[in-house]
Amino acid sequence: MGQDVRLTCGVDTTPSAVEVKFEWLKYFMKLPRNPRYTQGKKNKMGFLSISKVGYQDSGVYSCQVTASGTNSKDTADALITVQGTRLMM
């Protein structure tokens, strides 16, 4: 809890010139705007960084990849479970 997490998602396309789009979802819905979430891509790798992870960040995250010129989408899922001691004041 309170640490940063980075999820990555890669794709191998042929030909290598095919442009790909990465979209990150939580529980199969677009991620809400949140200053703690940073999304990006480099070459054929997409990433999602979450800073200062808390209980509210637990859940199933999906990386959805679409190649240009196609209607097909591939998806990979990851489960984040945040554990720790919740302090009551």
Protein backbone atom coordinates (compact mmCIF):
# COMPACT_ATOMS: atom_id res chain seq x y z
CA MET A 1 0.00 0.00 0.00
CA GLY A 2 1.33 3.44 -0.89
CA GLN A 3 3.76 2.04 -3.46
CA ASP A 4 3.72 2.53 -7.23
CA VAL A 5 2.59 -0.22 -9.60
CA ARG A 6 3.31 -0.57 -13.32
CA LEU A 7 1.45 -2.97 -15.60
CA THR A 8 2.79 -3.67 -19.09
CA CYS A 9 1.19 -5.21 -22.14
CA GLY A 10 3.00 -6.20 -25.32
CA VAL A 11 2.02 -7.34 -28.77
CA ASP A 12 3.88 -9.02 -31.60
CA THR A 13 2.50 -7.94 -34.97
CA THR A 14 3.37 -8.87 -38.51
CA PRO A 15 4.25 -6.75 -40.35
CA SER A 16 6.04 -4.77 -37.69
CA ALA A 17 4.90 -1.49 -39.28
CA VAL A 18 1.31 -2.07 -38.10
CA GLU A 19 0.27 0.65 -35.63
CA VAL A 20 -1.34 -0.56 -32.41
CA LYS A 21 -3.59 1.17 -29.88
CA PHE A 22 -3.64 0.27 -26.19
CA GLU A 23 -6.62 0.94 -23.95
CA TRP A 24 -6.69 0.19 -20.22
CA LEU A 25 -9.86 -0.85 -18.42
CA LYS A 26 -10.84 -1.65 -14.85
CA TYR A 27 -13.64 -4.15 -14.42
CA PHE A 28 -14.11 -3.94 -18.20
CA MET A 29 -14.88 -0.20 -18.14
CA LYS A 30 -12.64 2.68 -19.25
CA LEU A 31 -10.43 3.96 -16.48
CA PRO A 32 -11.73 7.16 -14.91
CA ARG A 33 -9.54 10.25 -15.11
CA ASN A 34 -7.24 10.12 -12.15
CA PRO A 35 -3.97 12.02 -11.66
CA ARG A 36 -2.46 8.87 -10.12
CA TYR A 37 -2.95 6.91 -13.39
CA THR A 38 -0.45 7.32 -16.22
CA GLN A 39 -0.99 5.47 -19.50
CA GLY A 40 1.35 5.31 -22.45
CA LYS A 41 3.06 3.21 -25.06
CA LYS A 42 6.47 2.70 -26.56
CA ASN A 43 6.81 0.70 -29.76
CA LYS A 44 4.62 -2.38 -29.27
CA MET A 45 4.40 -2.11 -25.47
CA GLY A 46 1.66 -0.36 -23.53
CA PHE A 47 1.85 0.53 -19.87
CA LEU A 48 -0.32 1.67 -16.99
CA SER A 49 1.33 3.19 -13.93
CA ILE A 50 -0.60 3.75 -10.71
CA SER A 51 1.08 5.89 -8.08
CA LYS A 52 0.53 5.49 -4.35
CA VAL A 53 -1.69 2.41 -4.67
CA GLY A 54 -4.52 2.12 -2.14
CA TYR A 55 -7.40 -0.25 -1.45
CA GLN A 56 -9.55 1.50 -4.07
CA ASP A 57 -7.08 0.36 -6.74
CA SER A 58 -7.72 -3.36 -6.11
CA GLY A 59 -9.46 -5.04 -9.03
CA VAL A 60 -9.21 -6.58 -12.48
CA TYR A 61 -7.37 -4.45 -15.03
CA SER A 62 -7.46 -5.21 -18.74
CA CYS A 63 -5.16 -4.15 -21.55
CA GLN A 64 -7.10 -4.05 -24.81
CA VAL A 65 -5.02 -3.91 -28.00
CA THR A 66 -6.31 -2.96 -31.43
CA ALA A 67 -4.17 -3.09 -34.59
CA SER A 68 -4.75 -0.37 -37.19
CA GLY A 69 -6.85 -1.44 -40.13
CA THR A 70 -8.61 -4.20 -38.20
CA ASN A 71 -11.69 -4.49 -36.02
CA SER A 72 -10.22 -7.25 -33.89
CA LYS A 73 -9.19 -6.65 -30.30
CA ASP A 74 -7.00 -8.76 -28.05
CA THR A 75 -7.20 -8.46 -24.29
CA ALA A 76 -4.98 -9.46 -21.38
CA ASP A 77 -6.12 -9.22 -17.75
CA ALA A 78 -4.28 -8.66 -14.47
CA LEU A 79 -5.56 -8.76 -10.91
CA ILE A 80 -4.26 -6.21 -8.41
CA THR A 81 -4.89 -7.02 -4.75
CA VAL A 82 -3.86 -4.35 -2.26
CA GLN A 83 -3.19 -5.64 1.23
CA GLY A 84 -2.13 -3.94 4.40
CA THR A 85 -3.42 -2.66 7.67
CA ARG A 86 -6.14 -0.07 7.46
CA LEU A 87 -5.74 2.49 10.23
CA MET A 88 -8.90 3.70 11.95
CA MET A 89 -8.75 7.08 13.64
